[in-house]
Amino acid sequence: MKKIVFIRHGQSLYNLENRFTGWLDIDLTDEGYNGAREAGAILKKHGFTFDVAYTSVLKRAIRTCWILLHEMDLVWIPVQKSWKLNERHYGGLQGLNKDEVIARFGEEQVNEWRRSAKVRPPELSKEAHKGILTEPKYAGLGAEDIPFTESLLDTEKRAAAYWREAIVPDLQQNKRVIISAHGNTLRALVKNLDQIPDEVVTSLNIPNSIPFVYELDDNLNPIRHYYLCDEGEAAEDLIPRHIDPNDPENCEWIG
């Protein structure tokens, strides 16, 4: 049996301000830092260790990974970073307050942008797109690699490709893996692992800073999954729907 741990980054400044973040490189809040420390302590308490970590190139995911590994005394393990694990690109919505966007475009339209698997938000401007290309973290990528906007399925496509290319080989070599990433990229990986239909996965909420453990067979098929709280496994064989992100011990599940 193989295990892999997913963790969504700790609370970011834009999470706190209720803004669309996407590829904007926004840092963690104090609560986000503390959540990462708590996640590391929980994993260490329950005997988890890792051989390799994967993260996006966005600082909220990277810092969460660093803090967690520091708490576990694992700062020496390799950390692989890829833009393919970045959050979904929210295009022209990035940086905007969600309530203000709803007031402007209507709740139905905004819900379609956020929750439909196939619908893309409005595109980023050409000037803003060129700005991304100048960032050192994306050096070596062509203009065609950087999206102007993405649907959930677009995000799933790149995340699933990276899973196959980079992460699967490590799991096949029995390496113990943790992925520190974002709500939509982790949702995409869970969708592929459990073959969740498009219309169901859009309601799947992965909370900040809570370790989410998958047990896989030798063919990397899921056996079971659970959130890991301070007291241990929160639940088994259920798809998580809602959890209080401010209370890691208060795990609420809907089967």
C-alpha atoms as a PDB file:
ATOM      1  CA  MET A   1       0.000   0.000   0.000  1.00  0.00           C
ATOM      2  CA  LYS A   2       1.171   3.522  -0.827  1.00  0.00           C
ATOM      3  CA  LYS A   3       0.204   6.777   0.866  1.00  0.00           C
ATOM      4  CA  ILE A   4       0.181  10.309  -0.455  1.00  0.00           C
ATOM      5  CA  VAL A   5      -0.761  13.457   1.470  1.00  0.00           C
ATOM      6  CA  PHE A   6      -2.409  16.493  -0.106  1.00  0.00           C
ATOM      7  CA  ILE A   7      -2.527  19.820   1.691  1.00  0.00           C
ATOM      8  CA  ARG A   8      -4.047  23.064   0.538  1.00  0.00           C
ATOM      9  CA  HIS A   9      -1.967  26.098   1.480  1.00  0.00           C
ATOM     10  CA  GLY A  10      -2.762  28.008   4.659  1.00  0.00           C
ATOM     11  CA  GLN A  11      -5.065  31.011   4.640  1.00  0.00           C
ATOM     12  CA  SER A  12      -3.751  33.708   2.292  1.00  0.00           C
ATOM     13  CA  LEU A  13      -4.222  37.461   2.478  1.00  0.00           C
ATOM     14  CA  TYR A  14      -6.671  37.272  -0.428  1.00  0.00           C
ATOM     15  CA  ASN A  15      -8.578  34.410   1.244  1.00  0.00           C
ATOM     16  CA  LEU A  16      -9.027  36.772   4.178  1.00  0.00           C
ATOM     17  CA  GLU A  17     -10.099  39.650   1.923  1.00  0.00           C
ATOM     18  CA  ASN A  18     -12.462  37.402  -0.097  1.00  0.00           C
ATOM     19  CA  ARG A  19     -10.687  38.073  -3.393  1.00  0.00           C
ATOM     20  CA  PHE A  20     -10.101  35.916  -6.455  1.00  0.00           C
ATOM     21  CA  THR A  21      -6.422  34.979  -6.275  1.00  0.00           C
ATOM     22  CA  GLY A  22      -5.545  32.569  -9.079  1.00  0.00           C
ATOM     23  CA  TRP A  23      -1.952  33.088 -10.248  1.00  0.00           C
ATOM     24  CA  LEU A  24      -1.421  36.272  -8.218  1.00  0.00           C
ATOM     25  CA  ASP A  25       1.471  35.543  -5.852  1.00  0.00           C
ATOM     26  CA  ILE A  26      -0.133  36.398  -2.516  1.00  0.00           C
ATOM     27  CA  ASP A  27       1.432  35.516   0.835  1.00  0.00           C
ATOM     28  CA  LEU A  28      -0.034  33.788   3.889  1.00  0.00           C
ATOM     29  CA  THR A  29      -1.718  35.499   6.819  1.00  0.00           C
ATOM     30  CA  ASP A  30      -0.564  34.844  10.389  1.00  0.00           C
ATOM     31  CA  GLU A  31      -3.353  32.296  10.572  1.00  0.00           C
ATOM     32  CA  GLY A  32      -1.989  30.684   7.401  1.00  0.00           C
ATOM     33  CA  TYR A  33       1.467  30.364   8.949  1.00  0.00           C
ATOM     34  CA  ASN A  34      -0.020  28.868  12.107  1.00  0.00           C
ATOM     35  CA  GLY A  35      -2.174  26.446  10.104  1.00  0.00           C
ATOM     36  CA  ALA A  36       0.896  25.121   8.295  1.00  0.00           C
ATOM     37  CA  ARG A  37       2.694  24.615  11.614  1.00  0.00           C
ATOM     38  CA  GLU A  38      -0.301  22.755  13.033  1.00  0.00           C
ATOM     39  CA  ALA A  39      -0.499  20.541   9.948  1.00  0.00           C
ATOM     40  CA  GLY A  40       3.174  19.623  10.305  1.00  0.00           C
ATOM     41  CA  ALA A  41       2.720  18.857  13.990  1.00  0.00           C
ATOM     42  CA  ILE A  42      -0.295  16.637  13.275  1.00  0.00           C
ATOM     43  CA  LEU A  43       1.542  14.694  10.578  1.00  0.00           C
ATOM     44  CA  LYS A  44       4.584  14.225  12.818  1.00  0.00           C
ATOM     45  CA  LYS A  45       2.421  13.149  15.760  1.00  0.00           C
ATOM     46  CA  HIS A  46       0.849  10.385  13.672  1.00  0.00           C
ATOM     47  CA  GLY A  47       4.139   9.046  12.348  1.00  0.00           C
ATOM     48  CA  PHE A  48       4.115  10.446   8.814  1.00  0.00           C
ATOM     49  CA  THR A  49       7.357  11.184   7.011  1.00  0.00           C
ATOM     50  CA  PHE A  50       8.194  12.050   3.401  1.00  0.00           C
ATOM     51  CA  ASP A  51      10.900  11.476   0.828  1.00  0.00           C
ATOM     52  CA  VAL A  52       9.871  14.251  -1.570  1.00  0.00           C
ATOM     53  CA  ALA A  53       7.501  17.221  -1.633  1.00  0.00           C
ATOM     54  CA  TYR A  54       5.759  18.857  -4.571  1.00  0.00           C
ATOM     55  CA  THR A  55       4.364  22.355  -4.722  1.00  0.00           C
ATOM     56  CA  SER A  56       3.398  25.099  -7.159  1.00  0.00           C
ATOM     57  CA  VAL A  57       5.567  28.141  -7.880  1.00  0.00           C
ATOM     58  CA  LEU A  58       3.281  30.409  -5.824  1.00  0.00           C
ATOM     59  CA  LYS A  59       4.579  31.527  -2.438  1.00  0.00           C
ATOM     60  CA  ARG A  60       1.480  30.619  -0.421  1.00  0.00           C
ATOM     61  CA  ALA A  61       1.896  26.958  -1.359  1.00  0.00           C
ATOM     62  CA  ILE A  62       5.699  27.046  -1.098  1.00  0.00           C
ATOM     63  CA  ARG A  63       5.673  28.657   2.354  1.00  0.00           C
ATOM     64  CA  THR A  64       3.084  26.176   3.580  1.00  0.00           C
ATOM     65  CA  CYS A  65       5.349  23.374   2.398  1.00  0.00           C
ATOM     66  CA  TRP A  66       8.460  24.901   3.998  1.00  0.00           C
ATOM     67  CA  ILE A  67       6.760  25.554   7.346  1.00  0.00           C
ATOM     68  CA  LEU A  68       5.211  22.096   7.453  1.00  0.00           C
ATOM     69  CA  LEU A  69       8.520  20.381   6.650  1.00  0.00           C
ATOM     70  CA  HIS A  70      10.335  22.520   9.230  1.00  0.00           C
ATOM     71  CA  GLU A  71       7.829  21.413  11.862  1.00  0.00           C
ATOM     72  CA  MET A  72       8.502  17.781  10.888  1.00  0.00           C
ATOM     73  CA  ASP A  73      12.305  18.250  10.815  1.00  0.00           C
ATOM     74  CA  LEU A  74      12.279  17.338   7.113  1.00  0.00           C
ATOM     75  CA  VAL A  75      13.718  20.494   5.574  1.00  0.00           C
ATOM     76  CA  TRP A  76      16.417  18.414   3.896  1.00  0.00           C
ATOM     77  CA  ILE A  77      14.116  16.505   1.539  1.00  0.00           C
ATOM     78  CA  PRO A  78      13.824  17.671  -2.101  1.00  0.00           C
ATOM     79  CA  VAL A  79      10.989  20.064  -2.931  1.00  0.00           C
ATOM     80  CA  GLN A  80       9.907  20.018  -6.587  1.00  0.00           C
ATOM     81  CA  LYS A  81       8.097  23.132  -7.847  1.00  0.00           C
ATOM     82  CA  SER A  82       5.971  23.372 -10.983  1.00  0.00           C
ATOM     83  CA  TRP A  83       3.606  25.952 -12.466  1.00  0.00           C
ATOM     84  CA  LYS A  84       1.384  23.016 -13.423  1.00  0.00           C
ATOM     85  CA  LEU A  85       0.354  22.812  -9.758  1.00  0.00           C
ATOM     86  CA  ASN A  86      -0.588  26.517  -9.680  1.00  0.00           C
ATOM     87  CA  GLU A  87      -4.077  27.513  -8.687  1.00  0.00           C
ATOM     88  CA  ARG A  88      -6.679  27.802 -11.436  1.00  0.00           C
ATOM     89  CA  HIS A  89      -6.142  30.967 -13.479  1.00  0.00           C
ATOM     90  CA  TYR A  90      -9.134  33.211 -12.849  1.00  0.00           C
ATOM     91  CA  GLY A  91      -8.338  35.576 -15.702  1.00  0.00           C
ATOM     92  CA  GLY A  92      -9.748  39.071 -15.404  1.00  0.00           C
ATOM     93  CA  LEU A  93     -11.324  38.269 -12.029  1.00  0.00           C
ATOM     94  CA  GLN A  94      -7.965  37.967 -10.291  1.00  0.00           C
ATOM     95  CA  GLY A  95      -7.536  40.474  -7.493  1.00  0.00           C
ATOM     96  CA  LEU A  96     -11.223  41.440  -7.437  1.00  0.00           C
ATOM     97  CA  ASN A  97     -13.412  41.138  -4.360  1.00  0.00           C
ATOM     98  CA  LYS A  98     -15.916  38.311  -4.847  1.00  0.00           C
ATOM     99  CA  ASP A  99     -18.852  40.241  -3.392  1.00  0.00           C
ATOM    100  CA  GLU A 100     -18.160  43.181  -5.683  1.00  0.00           C
ATOM    101  CA  VAL A 101     -17.968  40.854  -8.691  1.00  0.00           C
ATOM    102  CA  ILE A 102     -21.348  39.357  -7.714  1.00  0.00           C
ATOM    103  CA  ALA A 103     -22.839  42.854  -7.412  1.00  0.00           C
ATOM    104  CA  ARG A 104     -21.555  43.700 -10.898  1.00  0.00           C
ATOM    105  CA  PHE A 105     -22.281  40.502 -12.839  1.00  0.00           C
ATOM    106  CA  GLY A 106     -24.918  38.734 -10.747  1.00  0.00           C
ATOM    107  CA  GLU A 107     -24.680  35.687  -8.519  1.00  0.00           C
ATOM    108  CA  GLU A 108     -25.785  33.232 -11.212  1.00  0.00           C
ATOM    109  CA  GLN A 109     -23.027  34.323 -13.619  1.00  0.00           C
ATOM    110  CA  VAL A 110     -20.344  34.298 -10.930  1.00  0.00           C
ATOM    111  CA  ASN A 111     -21.402  30.862  -9.701  1.00  0.00           C
ATOM    112  CA  GLU A 112     -21.135  29.599 -13.271  1.00  0.00           C
ATOM    113  CA  TRP A 113     -17.597  30.995 -13.568  1.00  0.00           C
ATOM    114  CA  ARG A 114     -16.582  29.510 -10.226  1.00  0.00           C
ATOM    115  CA  ARG A 115     -18.370  26.164 -10.171  1.00  0.00           C
ATOM    116  CA  SER A 116     -18.938  25.038 -13.741  1.00  0.00           C
ATOM    117  CA  ALA A 117     -16.318  22.529 -14.854  1.00  0.00           C
ATOM    118  CA  LYS A 118     -16.153  23.897 -18.414  1.00  0.00           C
ATOM    119  CA  VAL A 119     -16.922  27.635 -18.241  1.00  0.00           C
ATOM    120  CA  ARG A 120     -13.970  30.063 -18.186  1.00  0.00           C
ATOM    121  CA  PRO A 121     -14.037  33.475 -16.454  1.00  0.00           C
ATOM    122  CA  PRO A 122     -13.296  36.610 -18.519  1.00  0.00           C
ATOM    123  CA  GLU A 123      -9.781  36.671 -19.956  1.00  0.00           C
ATOM    124  CA  LEU A 124      -6.816  38.508 -18.507  1.00  0.00           C
ATOM    125  CA  SER A 125      -5.812  41.621 -20.443  1.00  0.00           C
ATOM    126  CA  LYS A 126      -2.961  41.306 -22.953  1.00  0.00           C
ATOM    127  CA  GLU A 127      -0.844  43.713 -20.878  1.00  0.00           C
ATOM    128  CA  ALA A 128      -1.298  41.659 -17.720  1.00  0.00           C
ATOM    129  CA  HIS A 129      -0.546  38.454 -19.647  1.00  0.00           C
ATOM    130  CA  LYS A 130       2.736  39.946 -20.904  1.00  0.00           C
ATOM    131  CA  GLY A 131       3.547  40.861 -17.312  1.00  0.00           C
ATOM    132  CA  ILE A 132       3.349  37.228 -16.251  1.00  0.00           C
ATOM    133  CA  LEU A 133       5.771  36.251 -19.013  1.00  0.00           C
ATOM    134  CA  THR A 134       8.390  38.595 -17.540  1.00  0.00           C
ATOM    135  CA  GLU A 135       8.292  36.950 -14.098  1.00  0.00           C
ATOM    136  CA  PRO A 136      11.454  34.885 -13.446  1.00  0.00           C
ATOM    137  CA  LYS A 137       9.428  31.968 -12.083  1.00  0.00           C
ATOM    138  CA  TYR A 138       7.991  31.438 -15.576  1.00  0.00           C
ATOM    139  CA  ALA A 139      11.285  31.737 -17.457  1.00  0.00           C
ATOM    140  CA  GLY A 140      11.458  29.159 -20.215  1.00  0.00           C
ATOM    141  CA  LEU A 141       7.707  29.056 -20.772  1.00  0.00           C
ATOM    142  CA  GLY A 142       6.218  30.302 -24.012  1.00  0.00           C
ATOM    143  CA  ALA A 143       3.267  32.653 -24.332  1.00  0.00           C
ATOM    144  CA  GLU A 144       1.132  29.653 -25.299  1.00  0.00           C
ATOM    145  CA  ASP A 145       1.871  27.998 -21.932  1.00  0.00           C
ATOM    146  CA  ILE A 146       0.514  30.885 -19.873  1.00  0.00           C
ATOM    147  CA  PRO A 147      -3.290  30.961 -19.935  1.00  0.00           C
ATOM    148  CA  PHE A 148      -5.417  34.086 -20.210  1.00  0.00           C
ATOM    149  CA  THR A 149      -8.071  32.278 -18.129  1.00  0.00           C
ATOM    150  CA  GLU A 150      -8.959  28.696 -17.200  1.00  0.00           C
ATOM    151  CA  SER A 151     -11.938  26.480 -16.528  1.00  0.00           C
ATOM    152  CA  LEU A 152     -11.702  23.767 -13.889  1.00  0.00           C
ATOM    153  CA  LEU A 153     -11.178  21.229 -16.692  1.00  0.00           C
ATOM    154  CA  ASP A 154      -8.285  23.302 -18.069  1.00  0.00           C
ATOM    155  CA  THR A 155      -6.692  23.237 -14.622  1.00  0.00           C
ATOM    156  CA  GLU A 156      -7.351  19.528 -14.322  1.00  0.00           C
ATOM    157  CA  LYS A 157      -5.633  18.844 -17.651  1.00  0.00           C
ATOM    158  CA  ARG A 158      -2.297  20.402 -16.641  1.00  0.00           C
ATOM    159  CA  ALA A 159      -2.383  19.084 -13.068  1.00  0.00           C
ATOM    160  CA  ALA A 160      -3.192  15.553 -14.252  1.00  0.00           C
ATOM    161  CA  ALA A 161      -0.370  15.705 -16.802  1.00  0.00           C
ATOM    162  CA  TYR A 162       2.103  16.668 -14.075  1.00  0.00           C
ATOM    163  CA  TRP A 163       0.756  13.882 -11.874  1.00  0.00           C
ATOM    164  CA  ARG A 164       1.525  11.343 -14.594  1.00  0.00           C
ATOM    165  CA  GLU A 165       4.875  12.833 -15.591  1.00  0.00           C
ATOM    166  CA  ALA A 166       6.443  13.560 -12.213  1.00  0.00           C
ATOM    167  CA  ILE A 167       4.507  12.235  -9.239  1.00  0.00           C
ATOM    168  CA  VAL A 168       3.460   8.774 -10.415  1.00  0.00           C
ATOM    169  CA  PRO A 169       7.077   7.665 -10.992  1.00  0.00           C
ATOM    170  CA  ASP A 170       7.945   8.598  -7.400  1.00  0.00           C
ATOM    171  CA  LEU A 171       4.958   6.679  -6.045  1.00  0.00           C
ATOM    172  CA  GLN A 172       5.891   3.672  -8.162  1.00  0.00           C
ATOM    173  CA  GLN A 173       9.324   3.759  -6.507  1.00  0.00           C
ATOM    174  CA  ASN A 174       7.587   3.701  -3.102  1.00  0.00           C
ATOM    175  CA  LYS A 175       8.602   7.234  -2.247  1.00  0.00           C
ATOM    176  CA  ARG A 176       6.506   8.937   0.403  1.00  0.00           C
ATOM    177  CA  VAL A 177       5.019  12.048  -1.202  1.00  0.00           C
ATOM    178  CA  ILE A 178       3.304  15.221  -0.009  1.00  0.00           C
ATOM    179  CA  ILE A 179       1.764  17.800  -2.358  1.00  0.00           C
ATOM    180  CA  SER A 180       1.265  21.364  -1.113  1.00  0.00           C
ATOM    181  CA  ALA A 181      -0.929  23.143  -3.611  1.00  0.00           C
ATOM    182  CA  HIS A 182      -4.256  24.912  -4.115  1.00  0.00           C
ATOM    183  CA  GLY A 183      -7.970  24.247  -3.849  1.00  0.00           C
ATOM    184  CA  ASN A 184      -8.573  23.759  -7.562  1.00  0.00           C
ATOM    185  CA  THR A 185      -5.420  21.807  -8.430  1.00  0.00           C
ATOM    186  CA  LEU A 186      -5.993  19.447  -5.514  1.00  0.00           C
ATOM    187  CA  ARG A 187      -9.654  19.153  -6.494  1.00  0.00           C
ATOM    188  CA  ALA A 188      -8.495  18.173  -9.988  1.00  0.00           C
ATOM    189  CA  LEU A 189      -6.151  15.476  -8.660  1.00  0.00           C
ATOM    190  CA  VAL A 190      -8.865  14.073  -6.376  1.00  0.00           C
ATOM    191  CA  LYS A 191     -11.279  14.068  -9.325  1.00  0.00           C
ATOM    192  CA  ASN A 192      -8.884  11.949 -11.359  1.00  0.00           C
ATOM    193  CA  LEU A 193      -8.039   9.568  -8.534  1.00  0.00           C
ATOM    194  CA  ASP A 194     -11.655   8.854  -7.616  1.00  0.00           C
ATOM    195  CA  GLN A 195     -13.138   9.333 -11.091  1.00  0.00           C
ATOM    196  CA  ILE A 196     -15.586  11.896  -9.745  1.00  0.00           C
ATOM    197  CA  PRO A 197     -18.063  13.247 -12.333  1.00  0.00           C
ATOM    198  CA  ASP A 198     -17.750  16.868 -13.441  1.00  0.00           C
ATOM    199  CA  GLU A 199     -21.069  17.840 -11.893  1.00  0.00           C
ATOM    200  CA  VAL A 200     -20.062  16.416  -8.506  1.00  0.00           C
ATOM    201  CA  VAL A 201     -16.483  17.646  -8.187  1.00  0.00           C
ATOM    202  CA  THR A 202     -17.516  21.290  -8.434  1.00  0.00           C
ATOM    203  CA  SER A 203     -19.126  20.992  -4.984  1.00  0.00           C
ATOM    204  CA  LEU A 204     -16.019  19.449  -3.422  1.00  0.00           C
ATOM    205  CA  ASN A 205     -14.393  21.841  -0.974  1.00  0.00           C
ATOM    206  CA  ILE A 206     -10.844  21.175   0.208  1.00  0.00           C
ATOM    207  CA  PRO A 207     -10.067  23.280   3.298  1.00  0.00           C
ATOM    208  CA  ASN A 208      -6.881  25.148   4.073  1.00  0.00           C
ATOM    209  CA  SER A 209      -4.136  23.521   6.144  1.00  0.00           C
ATOM    210  CA  ILE A 210      -5.773  20.124   6.793  1.00  0.00           C
ATOM    211  CA  PRO A 211      -3.740  17.067   5.712  1.00  0.00           C
ATOM    212  CA  PHE A 212      -5.781  14.922   3.314  1.00  0.00           C
ATOM    213  CA  VAL A 213      -4.440  11.362   3.085  1.00  0.00           C
ATOM    214  CA  TYR A 214      -4.964   8.893   0.249  1.00  0.00           C
ATOM    215  CA  GLU A 215      -4.098   5.211   0.542  1.00  0.00           C
ATOM    216  CA  LEU A 216      -3.419   3.619  -2.853  1.00  0.00           C
ATOM    217  CA  ASP A 217      -2.888   0.072  -4.036  1.00  0.00           C
ATOM    218  CA  ASP A 218       0.161  -0.947  -6.082  1.00  0.00           C
ATOM    219  CA  ASN A 219      -1.599   0.204  -9.268  1.00  0.00           C
ATOM    220  CA  LEU A 220      -2.254   3.606  -7.649  1.00  0.00           C
ATOM    221  CA  ASN A 221      -5.982   2.985  -7.364  1.00  0.00           C
ATOM    222  CA  PRO A 222      -7.532   4.565  -4.256  1.00  0.00           C
ATOM    223  CA  ILE A 223      -8.276   2.240  -1.352  1.00  0.00           C
ATOM    224  CA  ARG A 224      -9.579   4.926   0.994  1.00  0.00           C
ATOM    225  CA  HIS A 225      -8.996   8.536   2.001  1.00  0.00           C
ATOM    226  CA  TYR A 226      -9.409  10.681   5.084  1.00  0.00           C
ATOM    227  CA  TYR A 227      -8.558  13.994   6.652  1.00  0.00           C
ATOM    228  CA  LEU A 228      -6.008  13.815   9.448  1.00  0.00           C
ATOM    229  CA  CYS A 229      -6.935  15.780  12.548  1.00  0.00           C
ATOM    230  CA  ASP A 230      -5.162  16.041  15.880  1.00  0.00           C
ATOM    231  CA  GLU A 231      -6.851  12.930  17.223  1.00  0.00           C
ATOM    232  CA  GLY A 232      -6.254  10.872  14.081  1.00  0.00           C
ATOM    233  CA  GLU A 233      -8.314   9.895  11.067  1.00  0.00           C
ATOM    234  CA  ALA A 234     -11.415  12.042  10.755  1.00  0.00           C
ATOM    235  CA  ALA A 235     -13.428   9.684   8.594  1.00  0.00           C
ATOM    236  CA  GLU A 236     -13.035   6.979   5.989  1.00  0.00           C
ATOM    237  CA  ASP A 237     -14.441   6.221   2.557  1.00  0.00           C
ATOM    238  CA  LEU A 238     -16.325   9.503   2.241  1.00  0.00           C
ATOM    239  CA  ILE A 239     -15.897  12.404  -0.119  1.00  0.00           C
ATOM    240  CA  PRO A 240     -15.283  15.508   2.035  1.00  0.00           C
ATOM    241  CA  ARG A 241     -17.792  18.291   1.521  1.00  0.00           C
ATOM    242  CA  HIS A 242     -17.443  20.830   4.313  1.00  0.00           C
ATOM    243  CA  ILE A 243     -15.000  21.386   7.124  1.00  0.00           C
ATOM    244  CA  ASP A 244     -14.414  24.249   9.517  1.00  0.00           C
ATOM    245  CA  PRO A 245     -11.008  25.595   8.362  1.00  0.00           C
ATOM    246  CA  ASN A 246     -10.552  27.415  11.673  1.00  0.00           C
ATOM    247  CA  ASP A 247     -10.836  24.263  13.753  1.00  0.00           C
ATOM    248  CA  PRO A 248      -8.777  21.280  12.553  1.00  0.00           C
ATOM    249  CA  GLU A 249     -10.334  19.070  15.228  1.00  0.00           C
ATOM    250  CA  ASN A 250     -13.895  19.824  14.164  1.00  0.00           C
ATOM    251  CA  CYS A 251     -14.191  17.727  11.015  1.00  0.00           C
ATOM    252  CA  GLU A 252     -17.652  17.820   9.463  1.00  0.00           C
ATOM    253  CA  TRP A 253     -18.471  15.276   6.748  1.00  0.00           C
ATOM    254  CA  ILE A 254     -21.334  14.676   4.386  1.00  0.00           C
ATOM    255  CA  GLY A 255     -21.386  11.268   2.750  1.00  0.00           C
END
